[in-house]
Amino acid sequence: MNKVKVGVIGVGYLGQHHVRIFSEIPQVELLGVCDINLKRAKEIASIYNIPFVTDDYRDLIDKVEAVSIVTPTISHFQIAKDFLEKGIHTFIEKPVTYNLREAEILLDIASGKDLVLQVGHIERFNPAVQELKKYIKNPFYIEARRMGPFDGRSTDVGVVMDLMIHDLDILFYILGKNRKIIDINGVGYSIYTPHEDFATVNILFEGDIFVNLIASKVSPKKLRKLDIHEKSGDQIIVDYIEQSISIVHGGAQHIESSLESPVLEREEPLRLELEHFVKCILEGKDPEVTLEDGKLALALATEILKELKVFDFKR
């Protein structure tokens, strides 16, 4: 069996799960891990019997065929650039880069190379999202809520880049990559960090499709939901955490409505995502979520931040 030689850069809260999953994929030989906290890297390496440990990601360049970058957003560009220039398949957690120019440079580097370059928009691999497109026909209102308590992680960006960007990617997945945006407005609140810790954003797309997005790091309960209202009167409800989808047929246009709830097998989206990355490498296929997709979500998040009116509530 051909095995892909993989390294993981960044073994914090999320990175440790990349290591765990790669260590369990039969087609992967997990050769090394890297973290600027060398003690942390050694701890993770010892758990999964990984032979090589370093605090300098460049030490992995000559040892691996593929790399997973799970570091703070500000560092994504330089790390990805160094690996792509050496012809190494690259997985980058979202947001793909800190700004659009960096994403464009990575696209230029990867262009013409036979490389898999995948961006970590994990919700695309949620079984409920995989099922979703079967039911969407003619939406007019979409509401996404992505909320939870403050956990002290991902403080280098606000909730738009950290949380809401997942829903922005799903919007393009639902509505198409070329759907024109008519208007954006929103309000944010800085409570614990220098960035917006809570944001509510309205987007009007062509076709009179109105979208309301809420992202929060200051809510007591974790919530990940998507509601889609169709012109037919149907309502599609996705619970990302429960990995469930419900379709309320009829609504206001009928005296009685009916509920359809497809039975879905629960999966670990991160596992599906990383298995997909490895499969694309072995089969020479393009990934489900390309750097272009990551750039689209990043571009919309950037526009939202330009329009977002942020109030500082820190004391």
Protein backbone atom coordinates (compact mmCIF):
# COMPACT_ATOMS: atom_id res chain seq x y z
CA MET A 1 0.00 0.00 0.00
CA ASN A 2 1.27 3.44 -0.93
CA LYS A 3 1.49 5.69 2.10
CA VAL A 4 1.65 9.48 2.15
CA LYS A 5 4.39 10.87 4.38
CA VAL A 6 2.70 13.56 6.47
CA GLY A 7 3.77 16.21 8.97
CA VAL A 8 1.57 18.35 11.22
CA ILE A 9 2.56 21.92 12.10
CA GLY A 10 0.88 23.26 15.20
CA VAL A 11 -0.31 20.76 17.80
CA GLY A 12 -2.50 22.92 19.99
CA TYR A 13 -6.20 22.27 20.62
CA LEU A 14 -7.09 21.54 16.99
CA GLY A 15 -3.69 20.37 15.80
CA GLN A 16 -3.65 17.49 18.30
CA HIS A 17 -6.75 16.13 16.58
CA HIS A 18 -5.07 16.36 13.18
CA VAL A 19 -2.27 14.24 14.64
CA ARG A 20 -4.70 11.74 16.15
CA ILE A 21 -6.62 11.27 12.90
CA PHE A 22 -3.57 11.09 10.63
CA SER A 23 -2.11 8.47 12.95
CA GLU A 24 -5.22 6.33 12.36
CA ILE A 25 -5.43 6.62 8.56
CA PRO A 26 -3.90 3.47 7.03
CA GLN A 27 -2.66 5.35 3.95
CA VAL A 28 -0.63 7.80 6.07
CA GLU A 29 2.84 7.56 7.54
CA LEU A 30 2.94 10.31 10.15
CA LEU A 31 6.60 11.25 10.20
CA GLY A 32 6.79 14.42 12.23
CA VAL A 33 5.15 17.16 14.27
CA CYS A 34 6.16 20.74 14.86
CA ASP A 35 5.18 23.36 17.39
CA ILE A 36 6.93 26.48 18.66
CA ASN A 37 6.26 24.99 22.09
CA LEU A 38 8.73 22.11 21.81
CA LYS A 39 7.58 20.57 25.08
CA ARG A 40 4.03 20.36 23.75
CA ALA A 41 5.26 18.87 20.46
CA LYS A 42 7.22 16.19 22.32
CA GLU A 43 4.19 15.31 24.47
CA ILE A 44 1.98 14.81 21.41
CA ALA A 45 4.71 12.89 19.57
CA SER A 46 5.15 10.52 22.50
CA ILE A 47 1.41 9.75 22.64
CA TYR A 48 1.29 8.77 18.97
CA ASN A 49 4.83 7.37 18.60
CA ILE A 50 5.88 9.96 16.03
CA PRO A 51 9.61 9.70 15.21
CA PHE A 52 10.46 13.33 14.48
CA VAL A 53 9.79 16.42 16.60
CA THR A 54 10.86 20.02 16.01
CA ASP A 55 10.03 23.62 16.85
CA ASP A 56 11.07 24.82 13.36
CA TYR A 57 8.67 23.79 10.60
CA ARG A 58 11.41 24.07 7.97
CA ASP A 59 12.97 20.93 9.43
CA LEU A 60 10.04 18.97 7.97
CA ILE A 61 10.40 20.18 4.38
CA ASP A 62 12.79 17.44 3.26
CA LYS A 63 11.02 14.71 5.23
CA VAL A 64 7.36 14.85 4.14
CA GLU A 65 5.18 14.68 1.03
CA ALA A 66 2.23 16.46 2.65
CA VAL A 67 1.74 18.85 5.52
CA SER A 68 -1.15 20.06 7.64
CA ILE A 69 -0.89 23.66 8.87
CA VAL A 70 -2.80 24.23 12.12
CA THR A 71 -1.16 27.41 13.38
CA PRO A 72 -2.40 30.98 14.04
CA THR A 73 -3.73 32.64 10.87
CA ILE A 74 -0.94 35.21 10.72
CA SER A 75 1.61 32.43 10.10
CA HIS A 76 -0.31 30.46 7.43
CA PHE A 77 1.10 32.29 4.43
CA GLN A 78 4.81 31.91 5.06
CA ILE A 79 4.57 28.28 6.13
CA ALA A 80 2.35 27.30 3.18
CA LYS A 81 4.56 29.24 0.77
CA ASP A 82 7.69 27.39 1.88
CA PHE A 83 6.08 23.97 1.48
CA LEU A 84 4.30 24.70 -1.81
CA GLU A 85 7.51 26.00 -3.36
CA LYS A 86 9.08 22.63 -2.54
CA GLY A 87 6.21 20.74 -4.21
CA ILE A 88 4.61 19.49 -1.00
CA HIS A 89 0.84 18.89 -0.76
CA THR A 90 -0.63 21.33 1.73
CA PHE A 91 -3.68 21.44 3.97
CA ILE A 92 -4.32 24.86 5.56
CA GLU A 93 -6.82 25.43 8.33
CA LYS A 94 -9.22 28.34 7.83
CA PRO A 95 -8.96 31.27 7.38
CA VAL A 96 -6.63 30.31 4.55
CA THR A 97 -4.45 33.41 5.01
CA TYR A 98 -4.47 36.71 6.89
CA ASN A 99 -5.36 38.73 3.78
CA LEU A 100 -6.37 38.30 0.15
CA ARG A 101 -2.99 39.22 -1.31
CA GLU A 102 -1.38 36.31 0.55
CA ALA A 103 -4.03 33.92 -0.79
CA GLU A 104 -3.41 35.15 -4.34
CA ILE A 105 0.35 34.57 -4.00
CA LEU A 106 -0.25 31.00 -2.80
CA LEU A 107 -2.54 30.41 -5.76
CA ASP A 108 0.19 31.63 -8.11
CA ILE A 109 2.78 29.35 -6.49
CA ALA A 110 0.52 26.30 -6.67
CA SER A 111 -0.62 27.03 -10.22
CA GLY A 112 0.86 24.59 -12.70
CA LYS A 113 2.11 22.28 -9.97
CA ASP A 114 0.47 18.89 -9.52
CA LEU A 115 -0.35 19.62 -5.88
CA VAL A 116 -3.33 19.17 -3.59
CA LEU A 117 -4.00 22.43 -1.78
CA GLN A 118 -6.98 22.10 0.54
CA VAL A 119 -8.50 24.61 2.96
CA GLY A 120 -10.02 23.48 6.25
CA HIS A 121 -13.66 24.52 5.98
CA ILE A 122 -14.78 21.58 8.06
CA GLU A 123 -18.54 22.08 7.82
CA ARG A 124 -18.45 20.98 4.17
CA PHE A 125 -17.78 17.49 5.52
CA ASN A 126 -20.64 17.55 8.02
CA PRO A 127 -23.11 14.81 6.97
CA ALA A 128 -25.99 17.31 7.26
CA VAL A 129 -24.31 19.68 4.79
CA GLN A 130 -23.59 16.80 2.43
CA GLU A 131 -27.35 16.14 2.45
CA LEU A 132 -28.41 19.79 2.30
CA LYS A 133 -28.20 20.52 -1.43
CA LYS A 134 -30.83 17.90 -2.23
CA TYR A 135 -33.49 20.10 -0.65
CA ILE A 136 -32.53 23.67 -1.56
CA LYS A 137 -34.45 24.99 -4.55
CA ASN A 138 -35.42 28.65 -4.26
CA PRO A 139 -34.43 30.24 -0.94
CA PHE A 140 -35.30 33.79 0.04
CA TYR A 141 -34.09 33.99 3.66
CA ILE A 142 -31.14 32.29 5.36
CA GLU A 143 -30.21 32.57 9.03
CA ALA A 144 -26.99 31.18 10.50
CA ARG A 145 -26.11 31.17 14.19
CA ARG A 146 -22.67 30.07 15.40
CA MET A 147 -22.31 30.81 19.10
CA GLY A 148 -20.53 29.61 22.22
CA PRO A 149 -18.70 30.65 25.39
CA PHE A 150 -15.32 32.38 25.44
CA ASP A 151 -12.56 29.77 25.66
CA GLY A 152 -9.46 31.93 25.21
CA ARG A 153 -8.52 30.35 21.85
CA SER A 154 -8.09 31.99 18.43
CA THR A 155 -7.62 35.47 19.87
CA ASP A 156 -5.58 36.58 16.85
CA VAL A 157 -8.80 37.15 14.88
CA GLY A 158 -12.38 38.09 15.72
CA VAL A 159 -15.53 36.02 15.32
CA VAL A 160 -16.01 36.99 11.68
CA MET A 161 -12.74 35.31 10.65
CA ASP A 162 -12.83 32.59 13.30
CA LEU A 163 -16.48 31.46 13.35
CA MET A 164 -18.62 33.27 10.79
CA ILE A 165 -16.25 32.38 7.95
CA HIS A 166 -17.58 28.79 8.13
CA ASP A 167 -21.06 30.08 7.31
CA LEU A 168 -19.72 32.32 4.54
CA ASP A 169 -18.23 29.25 2.87
CA ILE A 170 -21.54 27.42 3.24
CA LEU A 171 -23.35 30.39 1.64
CA PHE A 172 -21.23 30.09 -1.48
CA TYR A 173 -21.78 26.32 -1.41
CA ILE A 174 -25.55 26.84 -1.28
CA LEU A 175 -25.99 29.87 -3.54
CA GLY A 176 -23.12 29.39 -5.99
CA LYS A 177 -19.73 31.03 -6.24
CA ASN A 178 -20.87 33.77 -8.61
CA ARG A 179 -23.86 35.09 -6.70
CA LYS A 180 -23.62 38.89 -6.59
CA ILE A 181 -23.74 40.73 -3.24
CA ILE A 182 -25.95 43.84 -3.21
CA ASP A 183 -25.44 45.11 0.35
CA ILE A 184 -23.62 44.32 3.60
CA ASN A 185 -24.10 45.83 7.05
CA GLY A 186 -23.41 44.69 10.56
CA VAL A 187 -22.60 45.43 14.17
CA GLY A 188 -19.90 43.93 16.38
CA TYR A 189 -18.96 44.11 20.05
CA SER A 190 -15.48 43.80 21.53
CA ILE A 191 -15.84 42.37 25.03
CA TYR A 192 -12.78 40.21 25.87
CA THR A 193 -10.33 40.70 23.00
CA PRO A 194 -9.16 43.57 20.75
CA HIS A 195 -11.41 42.13 18.00
CA GLU A 196 -15.16 41.65 17.68
CA ASP A 197 -16.26 38.87 20.05
CA PHE A 198 -19.89 39.11 18.93
CA ALA A 199 -21.17 40.10 15.49
CA THR A 200 -24.48 40.20 13.69
CA VAL A 201 -24.32 40.74 9.95
CA ASN A 202 -26.93 41.19 7.20
CA ILE A 203 -26.14 40.42 3.56
CA LEU A 204 -28.46 40.97 0.59
CA PHE A 205 -27.64 38.79 -2.42
CA GLU A 206 -28.99 39.21 -5.92
CA GLY A 207 -32.30 37.46 -6.38
CA ASP A 208 -33.63 39.17 -3.22
CA ILE A 209 -32.01 36.60 -0.94
CA PHE A 210 -31.54 38.04 2.55
CA VAL A 211 -29.03 36.48 4.95
CA ASN A 212 -28.65 37.11 8.67
CA LEU A 213 -25.49 35.80 10.36
CA ILE A 214 -24.74 35.76 14.08
CA ALA A 215 -21.39 34.73 15.52
CA SER A 216 -20.51 34.90 19.18
CA LYS A 217 -17.74 33.94 21.59
CA VAL A 218 -19.70 35.33 24.54
CA SER A 219 -22.77 33.08 24.65
CA PRO A 220 -23.28 30.57 27.48
CA LYS A 221 -24.36 27.69 25.22
CA LYS A 222 -22.69 26.27 22.11
CA LEU A 223 -24.98 26.55 19.11
CA ARG A 224 -24.37 25.82 15.41
CA LYS A 225 -27.54 26.15 13.34
CA LEU A 226 -28.65 27.07 9.83
CA ASP A 227 -32.23 27.89 8.82
CA ILE A 228 -33.20 28.23 5.15
CA HIS A 229 -36.64 29.50 4.12
CA GLU A 230 -37.86 28.59 0.64
CA LYS A 231 -40.34 30.55 -1.48
CA SER A 232 -42.45 27.37 -1.61
CA GLY A 233 -43.05 27.71 2.13
CA ASP A 234 -40.63 24.93 3.04
CA GLN A 235 -38.12 25.50 5.83
CA ILE A 236 -34.82 23.58 6.02
CA ILE A 237 -33.18 23.38 9.44
CA VAL A 238 -29.60 22.19 9.89
CA ASP A 239 -28.06 21.47 13.28
CA TYR A 240 -24.31 21.15 12.72
CA ILE A 241 -23.64 19.76 16.19
CA GLU A 242 -26.35 17.10 16.02
CA GLN A 243 -25.49 16.50 12.34
CA SER A 244 -29.20 16.61 11.58
CA ILE A 245 -31.37 18.12 8.88
CA SER A 246 -35.12 18.66 9.06
CA ILE A 247 -37.42 19.87 6.30
CA VAL A 248 -40.77 21.40 7.23
CA HIS A 249 -42.87 21.10 4.07
CA GLY A 250 -45.71 23.43 3.28
CA GLY A 251 -45.53 26.11 5.92
CA ALA A 252 -47.86 29.09 5.41
CA GLN A 253 -49.10 27.96 1.99
CA HIS A 254 -50.86 24.88 3.37
CA ILE A 255 -53.31 24.21 6.15
CA GLU A 256 -51.09 21.44 7.46
CA SER A 257 -47.34 21.08 7.22
CA SER A 258 -45.31 17.90 7.28
CA LEU A 259 -41.89 17.18 8.72
CA GLU A 260 -39.18 15.23 6.92
CA SER A 261 -36.06 14.21 8.86
CA PRO A 262 -33.57 12.15 6.82
CA VAL A 263 -31.66 9.59 8.87
CA LEU A 264 -27.96 10.42 8.69
CA GLU A 265 -25.03 8.43 9.99
CA ARG A 266 -23.00 10.46 12.46
CA GLU A 267 -19.39 11.03 11.42
CA GLU A 268 -16.41 13.04 12.62
CA PRO A 269 -16.19 15.84 10.01
CA LEU A 270 -12.49 16.43 10.66
CA ARG A 271 -11.75 12.77 9.97
CA LEU A 272 -13.73 12.89 6.71
CA GLU A 273 -11.92 16.10 5.77
CA LEU A 274 -8.41 14.73 6.35
CA GLU A 275 -9.23 11.38 4.74
CA HIS A 276 -10.41 13.34 1.71
CA PHE A 277 -7.11 15.26 1.65
CA VAL A 278 -5.13 12.01 1.63
CA LYS A 279 -7.41 10.42 -0.99
CA CYS A 280 -6.97 13.43 -3.30
CA ILE A 281 -3.19 13.08 -3.02
CA LEU A 282 -3.23 9.36 -3.78
CA GLU A 283 -5.71 9.69 -6.66
CA GLY A 284 -4.46 12.97 -8.09
CA LYS A 285 -7.83 14.71 -7.67
CA ASP A 286 -8.83 18.26 -6.76
CA PRO A 287 -10.12 18.67 -3.19
CA GLU A 288 -13.70 19.49 -2.31
CA VAL A 289 -12.57 22.78 -0.74
CA THR A 290 -9.91 24.47 -2.84
CA LEU A 291 -7.79 27.52 -2.13
CA GLU A 292 -10.17 29.42 -4.45
CA ASP A 293 -13.02 28.46 -2.10
CA GLY A 294 -11.00 29.60 0.89
CA LYS A 295 -10.24 32.87 -0.88
CA LEU A 296 -13.95 33.47 -1.62
CA ALA A 297 -14.88 33.10 2.05
CA LEU A 298 -11.90 35.24 3.09
CA ALA A 299 -12.88 37.98 0.59
CA LEU A 300 -16.43 38.16 1.93
CA ALA A 301 -15.19 38.14 5.55
CA THR A 302 -12.84 41.01 4.63
CA GLU A 303 -15.72 43.02 3.14
CA ILE A 304 -17.85 42.36 6.23
CA LEU A 305 -15.10 43.67 8.51
CA LYS A 306 -14.90 46.85 6.42
CA GLU A 307 -18.63 47.44 6.95
CA LEU A 308 -18.83 46.22 10.55
CA LYS A 309 -19.46 48.91 13.15
CA VAL A 310 -17.65 47.65 16.27
CA PHE A 311 -18.41 48.87 19.80
CA ASP A 312 -15.84 48.37 22.55
CA PHE A 313 -17.45 47.08 25.75
CA LYS A 314 -14.21 46.10 27.50
CA ARG A 315 -13.64 47.59 30.92
